[in-house]
Amino acid sequence: PVAIVLAALSTAPPDAKAQSSSGDAEQEVLA
């Protein structure tokens, strides 16, 4: 399951990553 989650996060479309407000969402996921 961890591998599946990490794979899903790494394959997000480029524009979806750009929409995160100053990386807050990314930091929450990484935490």
PDB file of all heavy atoms in Angstrom:
ATOM      1  N   PRO A   1       0.809  -1.221   0.000  1.00  0.00           N
ATOM      2  CA  PRO A   1       0.000   0.000   0.000  1.00  0.00           C
ATOM      3  C   PRO A   1       0.845   1.275   0.000  1.00  0.00           C
ATOM      4  O   PRO A   1       0.500   2.249  -0.651  1.00  0.00           O
ATOM      5  CB  PRO A   1      -0.823  -0.105   1.284  1.00  0.00           C
ATOM      6  CG  PRO A   1      -0.838  -1.547   1.616  1.00  0.00           C
ATOM      7  CD  PRO A   1       0.447  -2.112   1.096  1.00  0.00           C
ATOM      8  N   VAL A   2       1.957   1.242   0.722  1.00  0.00           N
ATOM      9  CA  VAL A   2       2.836   2.417   0.748  1.00  0.00           C
ATOM     10  C   VAL A   2       3.393   2.672  -0.644  1.00  0.00           C
ATOM     11  O   VAL A   2       3.430   3.812  -1.122  1.00  0.00           O
ATOM     12  CB  VAL A   2       3.977   2.227   1.776  1.00  0.00           C
ATOM     13  CG1 VAL A   2       5.020   3.316   1.631  1.00  0.00           C
ATOM     14  CG2 VAL A   2       3.411   2.217   3.174  1.00  0.00           C
ATOM     15  N   ALA A   3       3.813   1.618  -1.327  1.00  0.00           N
ATOM     16  CA  ALA A   3       4.345   1.768  -2.684  1.00  0.00           C
ATOM     17  C   ALA A   3       3.285   2.310  -3.631  1.00  0.00           C
ATOM     18  O   ALA A   3       3.571   3.157  -4.483  1.00  0.00           O
ATOM     19  CB  ALA A   3       4.874   0.430  -3.185  1.00  0.00           C
ATOM     20  N   ILE A   4       2.049   1.860  -3.471  1.00  0.00           N
ATOM     21  CA  ILE A   4       0.958   2.336  -4.327  1.00  0.00           C
ATOM     22  C   ILE A   4       0.706   3.824  -4.095  1.00  0.00           C
ATOM     23  O   ILE A   4       0.556   4.594  -5.040  1.00  0.00           O
ATOM     24  CB  ILE A   4      -0.319   1.507  -4.087  1.00  0.00           C
ATOM     25  CG1 ILE A   4      -0.107   0.080  -4.599  1.00  0.00           C
ATOM     26  CG2 ILE A   4      -1.521   2.147  -4.755  1.00  0.00           C
ATOM     27  CD1 ILE A   4      -1.196  -0.886  -4.201  1.00  0.00           C
ATOM     28  N   VAL A   5       0.684   4.226  -2.835  1.00  0.00           N
ATOM     29  CA  VAL A   5       0.449   5.641  -2.511  1.00  0.00           C
ATOM     30  C   VAL A   5       1.579   6.512  -3.070  1.00  0.00           C
ATOM     31  O   VAL A   5       1.328   7.556  -3.679  1.00  0.00           O
ATOM     32  CB  VAL A   5       0.315   5.843  -0.984  1.00  0.00           C
ATOM     33  CG1 VAL A   5       0.349   7.310  -0.621  1.00  0.00           C
ATOM     34  CG2 VAL A   5      -0.963   5.197  -0.485  1.00  0.00           C
ATOM     35  N   LEU A   6       2.806   6.086  -2.875  1.00  0.00           N
ATOM     36  CA  LEU A   6       3.932   6.871  -3.376  1.00  0.00           C
ATOM     37  C   LEU A   6       3.935   6.940  -4.900  1.00  0.00           C
ATOM     38  O   LEU A   6       4.228   7.993  -5.474  1.00  0.00           O
ATOM     39  CB  LEU A   6       5.253   6.298  -2.866  1.00  0.00           C
ATOM     40  CG  LEU A   6       5.486   6.438  -1.366  1.00  0.00           C
ATOM     41  CD1 LEU A   6       6.773   5.744  -0.961  1.00  0.00           C
ATOM     42  CD2 LEU A   6       5.493   7.888  -0.944  1.00  0.00           C
ATOM     43  N   ALA A   7       3.570   5.855  -5.561  1.00  0.00           N
ATOM     44  CA  ALA A   7       3.503   5.866  -7.019  1.00  0.00           C
ATOM     45  C   ALA A   7       2.409   6.809  -7.498  1.00  0.00           C
ATOM     46  O   ALA A   7       2.590   7.560  -8.456  1.00  0.00           O
ATOM     47  CB  ALA A   7       3.269   4.455  -7.552  1.00  0.00           C
ATOM     48  N   ALA A   8       1.277   6.796  -6.822  1.00  0.00           N
ATOM     49  CA  ALA A   8       0.173   7.679  -7.209  1.00  0.00           C
ATOM     50  C   ALA A   8       0.557   9.149  -7.024  1.00  0.00           C
ATOM     51  O   ALA A   8       0.219   9.998  -7.849  1.00  0.00           O
ATOM     52  CB  ALA A   8      -1.076   7.355  -6.394  1.00  0.00           C
ATOM     53  N   LEU A   9       1.265   9.442  -5.954  1.00  0.00           N
ATOM     54  CA  LEU A   9       1.677  10.824  -5.709  1.00  0.00           C
ATOM     55  C   LEU A   9       2.705  11.297  -6.733  1.00  0.00           C
ATOM     56  O   LEU A   9       2.700  12.460  -7.132  1.00  0.00           O
ATOM     57  CB  LEU A   9       2.263  10.963  -4.302  1.00  0.00           C
ATOM     58  CG  LEU A   9       1.272  10.831  -3.159  1.00  0.00           C
ATOM     59  CD1 LEU A   9       2.012  10.828  -1.829  1.00  0.00           C
ATOM     60  CD2 LEU A   9       0.242  11.928  -3.194  1.00  0.00           C
ATOM     61  N   SER A  10       3.564  10.397  -7.154  1.00  0.00           N
ATOM     62  CA  SER A  10       4.613  10.807  -8.082  1.00  0.00           C
ATOM     63  C   SER A  10       4.120  10.943  -9.517  1.00  0.00           C
ATOM     64  O   SER A  10       4.798  11.538 -10.343  1.00  0.00           O
ATOM     65  CB  SER A  10       5.780   9.824  -8.028  1.00  0.00           C
ATOM     66  OG  SER A  10       5.372   8.573  -8.547  1.00  0.00           O
ATOM     67  N   THR A  11       2.949  10.406  -9.829  1.00  0.00           N
ATOM     68  CA  THR A  11       2.433  10.472 -11.197  1.00  0.00           C
ATOM     69  C   THR A  11       1.356  11.531 -11.367  1.00  0.00           C
ATOM     70  O   THR A  11       0.641  11.534 -12.360  1.00  0.00           O
ATOM     71  CB  THR A  11       1.874   9.104 -11.644  1.00  0.00           C
ATOM     72  OG1 THR A  11       0.820   8.730 -10.753  1.00  0.00           O
ATOM     73  CG2 THR A  11       2.958   8.057 -11.667  1.00  0.00           C
ATOM     74  N   ALA A  12       1.228  12.435 -10.420  1.00  0.00           N
ATOM     75  CA  ALA A  12       0.226  13.504 -10.537  1.00  0.00           C
ATOM     76  C   ALA A  12       0.572  14.399 -11.721  1.00  0.00           C
ATOM     77  O   ALA A  12       1.742  14.641 -12.010  1.00  0.00           O
ATOM     78  CB  ALA A  12       0.198  14.338  -9.252  1.00  0.00           C
ATOM     79  N   PRO A  13      -0.451  14.879 -12.435  1.00  0.00           N
ATOM     80  CA  PRO A  13      -0.193  15.769 -13.565  1.00  0.00           C
ATOM     81  C   PRO A  13       0.575  17.014 -13.131  1.00  0.00           C
ATOM     82  O   PRO A  13       0.403  17.482 -12.009  1.00  0.00           O
ATOM     83  CB  PRO A  13      -1.583  16.157 -14.062  1.00  0.00           C
ATOM     84  CG  PRO A  13      -2.553  15.307 -13.342  1.00  0.00           C
ATOM     85  CD  PRO A  13      -1.852  14.665 -12.195  1.00  0.00           C
ATOM     86  N   PRO A  14       1.428  17.569 -13.994  1.00  0.00           N
ATOM     87  CA  PRO A  14       2.233  18.732 -13.608  1.00  0.00           C
ATOM     88  C   PRO A  14       1.402  19.918 -13.132  1.00  0.00           C
ATOM     89  O   PRO A  14       1.784  20.596 -12.209  1.00  0.00           O
ATOM     90  CB  PRO A  14       2.990  19.091 -14.888  1.00  0.00           C
ATOM     91  CG  PRO A  14       2.960  17.864 -15.717  1.00  0.00           C
ATOM     92  CD  PRO A  14       1.733  17.107 -15.325  1.00  0.00           C
ATOM     93  N   ASP A  15       0.252  20.156 -13.758  1.00  0.00           N
ATOM     94  CA  ASP A  15      -0.550  21.302 -13.344  1.00  0.00           C
ATOM     95  C   ASP A  15      -1.181  21.087 -11.974  1.00  0.00           C
ATOM     96  O   ASP A  15      -1.437  22.038 -11.252  1.00  0.00           O
ATOM     97  CB  ASP A  15      -1.613  21.646 -14.382  1.00  0.00           C
ATOM     98  CG  ASP A  15      -2.611  20.515 -14.603  1.00  0.00           C
ATOM     99  OD1 ASP A  15      -2.251  19.341 -14.367  1.00  0.00           O
ATOM    100  OD2 ASP A  15      -3.741  20.806 -15.003  1.00  0.00           O
ATOM    101  N   ALA A  16      -1.422  19.846 -11.572  1.00  0.00           N
ATOM    102  CA  ALA A  16      -1.967  19.585 -10.244  1.00  0.00           C
ATOM    103  C   ALA A  16      -0.949  19.951  -9.177  1.00  0.00           C
ATOM    104  O   ALA A  16      -1.295  20.469  -8.133  1.00  0.00           O
ATOM    105  CB  ALA A  16      -2.372  18.117 -10.109  1.00  0.00           C
ATOM    106  N   LYS A  17       0.318  19.676  -9.441  1.00  0.00           N
ATOM    107  CA  LYS A  17       1.357  20.029  -8.480  1.00  0.00           C
ATOM    108  C   LYS A  17       1.506  21.545  -8.379  1.00  0.00           C
ATOM    109  O   LYS A  17       1.773  22.074  -7.322  1.00  0.00           O
ATOM    110  CB  LYS A  17       2.682  19.395  -8.885  1.00  0.00           C
ATOM    111  CG  LYS A  17       2.701  17.897  -8.718  1.00  0.00           C
ATOM    112  CD  LYS A  17       4.032  17.323  -9.117  1.00  0.00           C
ATOM    113  CE  LYS A  17       4.030  15.813  -8.980  1.00  0.00           C
ATOM    114  NZ  LYS A  17       5.294  15.227  -9.411  1.00  0.00           N
ATOM    115  N   ALA A  18       1.324  22.247  -9.483  1.00  0.00           N
ATOM    116  CA  ALA A  18       1.475  23.697  -9.496  1.00  0.00           C
ATOM    117  C   ALA A  18       0.352  24.385  -8.738  1.00  0.00           C
ATOM    118  O   ALA A  18       0.508  25.508  -8.283  1.00  0.00           O
ATOM    119  CB  ALA A  18       1.527  24.203 -10.934  1.00  0.00           C
ATOM    120  N   GLN A  19      -0.795  23.723  -8.575  1.00  0.00           N
ATOM    121  CA  GLN A  19      -1.933  24.341  -7.921  1.00  0.00           C
ATOM    122  C   GLN A  19      -1.806  24.375  -6.408  1.00  0.00           C
ATOM    123  O   GLN A  19      -2.524  25.101  -5.748  1.00  0.00           O
ATOM    124  CB  GLN A  19      -3.217  23.598  -8.309  1.00  0.00           C
ATOM    125  CG  GLN A  19      -3.616  23.807  -9.744  1.00  0.00           C
ATOM    126  CD  GLN A  19      -4.838  22.984 -10.116  1.00  0.00           C
ATOM    127  OE1 GLN A  19      -5.355  22.227  -9.318  1.00  0.00           O
ATOM    128  NE2 GLN A  19      -5.300  23.160 -11.329  1.00  0.00           N
ATOM    129  N   SER A  20      -0.907  23.587  -5.839  1.00  0.00           N
ATOM    130  CA  SER A  20      -0.768  23.584  -4.389  1.00  0.00           C
ATOM    131  C   SER A  20      -0.236  24.941  -3.937  1.00  0.00           C
ATOM    132  O   SER A  20       0.704  25.471  -4.490  1.00  0.00           O
ATOM    133  CB  SER A  20       0.142  22.456  -3.918  1.00  0.00           C
ATOM    134  OG  SER A  20       1.464  22.710  -4.299  1.00  0.00           O
ATOM    135  N   SER A  21      -0.859  25.471  -2.921  1.00  0.00           N
ATOM    136  CA  SER A  21      -0.480  26.794  -2.451  1.00  0.00           C
ATOM    137  C   SER A  21       0.826  26.709  -1.687  1.00  0.00           C
ATOM    138  O   SER A  21       0.874  26.208  -0.576  1.00  0.00           O
ATOM    139  CB  SER A  21      -1.585  27.383  -1.584  1.00  0.00           C
ATOM    140  OG  SER A  21      -1.819  26.557  -0.473  1.00  0.00           O
ATOM    141  N   SER A  22       1.870  27.184  -2.320  1.00  0.00           N
ATOM    142  CA  SER A  22       3.229  27.267  -1.771  1.00  0.00           C
ATOM    143  C   SER A  22       3.705  25.979  -1.102  1.00  0.00           C
ATOM    144  O   SER A  22       4.377  25.998  -0.099  1.00  0.00           O
ATOM    145  CB  SER A  22       3.343  28.453  -0.806  1.00  0.00           C
ATOM    146  OG  SER A  22       2.584  28.217   0.359  1.00  0.00           O
ATOM    147  N   GLY A  23       3.295  24.868  -1.648  1.00  0.00           N
ATOM    148  CA  GLY A  23       3.788  23.588  -1.173  1.00  0.00           C
ATOM    149  C   GLY A  23       3.187  23.095   0.126  1.00  0.00           C
ATOM    150  O   GLY A  23       3.656  22.113   0.682  1.00  0.00           O
ATOM    151  N   ASP A  24       2.142  23.760   0.630  1.00  0.00           N
ATOM    152  CA  ASP A  24       1.536  23.336   1.897  1.00  0.00           C
ATOM    153  C   ASP A  24       0.961  21.933   1.793  1.00  0.00           C
ATOM    154  O   ASP A  24       1.179  21.104   2.678  1.00  0.00           O
ATOM    155  CB  ASP A  24       0.436  24.303   2.332  1.00  0.00           C
ATOM    156  CG  ASP A  24       0.989  25.655   2.745  1.00  0.00           C
ATOM    157  OD1 ASP A  24       2.187  25.723   3.094  1.00  0.00           O
ATOM    158  OD2 ASP A  24       0.226  26.635   2.712  1.00  0.00           O
ATOM    159  N   ALA A  25       0.241  21.661   0.724  1.00  0.00           N
ATOM    160  CA  ALA A  25      -0.369  20.341   0.553  1.00  0.00           C
ATOM    161  C   ALA A  25       0.710  19.276   0.444  1.00  0.00           C
ATOM    162  O   ALA A  25       0.586  18.192   1.021  1.00  0.00           O
ATOM    163  CB  ALA A  25      -1.269  20.332  -0.677  1.00  0.00           C
ATOM    164  N   GLU A  26       1.759  19.587  -0.275  1.00  0.00           N
ATOM    165  CA  GLU A  26       2.857  18.622  -0.434  1.00  0.00           C
ATOM    166  C   GLU A  26       3.509  18.332   0.913  1.00  0.00           C
ATOM    167  O   GLU A  26       3.812  17.177   1.222  1.00  0.00           O
ATOM    168  CB  GLU A  26       3.890  19.159  -1.413  1.00  0.00           C
ATOM    169  CG  GLU A  26       5.010  18.194  -1.693  1.00  0.00           C
ATOM    170  CD  GLU A  26       5.981  18.711  -2.731  1.00  0.00           C
ATOM    171  OE1 GLU A  26       5.626  19.616  -3.503  1.00  0.00           O
ATOM    172  OE2 GLU A  26       7.106  18.201  -2.756  1.00  0.00           O
ATOM    173  N   GLN A  27       3.699  19.338   1.716  1.00  0.00           N
ATOM    174  CA  GLN A  27       4.311  19.153   3.034  1.00  0.00           C
ATOM    175  C   GLN A  27       3.422  18.301   3.935  1.00  0.00           C
ATOM    176  O   GLN A  27       3.917  17.489   4.717  1.00  0.00           O
ATOM    177  CB  GLN A  27       4.604  20.506   3.692  1.00  0.00           C
ATOM    178  CG  GLN A  27       5.681  21.292   2.991  1.00  0.00           C
ATOM    179  CD  GLN A  27       6.994  20.538   2.919  1.00  0.00           C
ATOM    180  OE1 GLN A  27       7.446  19.945   3.891  1.00  0.00           O
ATOM    181  NE2 GLN A  27       7.604  20.532   1.749  1.00  0.00           N
ATOM    182  N   GLU A  28       2.097  18.477   3.833  1.00  0.00           N
ATOM    183  CA  GLU A  28       1.168  17.682   4.634  1.00  0.00           C
ATOM    184  C   GLU A  28       1.250  16.206   4.247  1.00  0.00           C
ATOM    185  O   GLU A  28       1.266  15.327   5.112  1.00  0.00           O
ATOM    186  CB  GLU A  28      -0.264  18.188   4.460  1.00  0.00           C
ATOM    187  CG  GLU A  28      -0.518  19.535   5.099  1.00  0.00           C
ATOM    188  CD  GLU A  28      -1.920  20.038   4.833  1.00  0.00           C
ATOM    189  OE1 GLU A  28      -2.800  19.224   4.484  1.00  0.00           O
ATOM    190  OE2 GLU A  28      -2.147  21.249   4.968  1.00  0.00           O
ATOM    191  N   VAL A  29       1.301  15.936   2.950  1.00  0.00           N
ATOM    192  CA  VAL A  29       1.400  14.554   2.475  1.00  0.00           C
ATOM    193  C   VAL A  29       2.712  13.937   2.919  1.00  0.00           C
ATOM    194  O   VAL A  29       2.744  12.801   3.413  1.00  0.00           O
ATOM    195  CB  VAL A  29       1.254  14.490   0.936  1.00  0.00           C
ATOM    196  CG1 VAL A  29       1.581  13.109   0.419  1.00  0.00           C
ATOM    197  CG2 VAL A  29      -0.150  14.904   0.521  1.00  0.00           C
ATOM    198  N   LEU A  30       3.801  14.670   2.769  1.00  0.00           N
ATOM    199  CA  LEU A  30       5.101  14.150   3.178  1.00  0.00           C
ATOM    200  C   LEU A  30       5.158  13.868   4.678  1.00  0.00           C
ATOM    201  O   LEU A  30       5.791  12.908   5.108  1.00  0.00           O
ATOM    202  CB  LEU A  30       6.210  15.113   2.771  1.00  0.00           C
ATOM    203  CG  LEU A  30       6.469  15.213   1.268  1.00  0.00           C
ATOM    204  CD1 LEU A  30       7.488  16.302   0.971  1.00  0.00           C
ATOM    205  CD2 LEU A  30       6.913  13.886   0.699  1.00  0.00           C
ATOM    206  N   ALA A  31       4.478  14.685   5.470  1.00  0.00           N
ATOM    207  CA  ALA A  31       4.453  14.459   6.915  1.00  0.00           C
ATOM    208  C   ALA A  31       3.748  13.148   7.250  1.00  0.00           C
ATOM    209  O   ALA A  31       4.197  12.396   8.122  1.00  0.00           O
ATOM    210  CB  ALA A  31       3.762  15.627   7.616  1.00  0.00           C
TER     211      ALA A  31
END
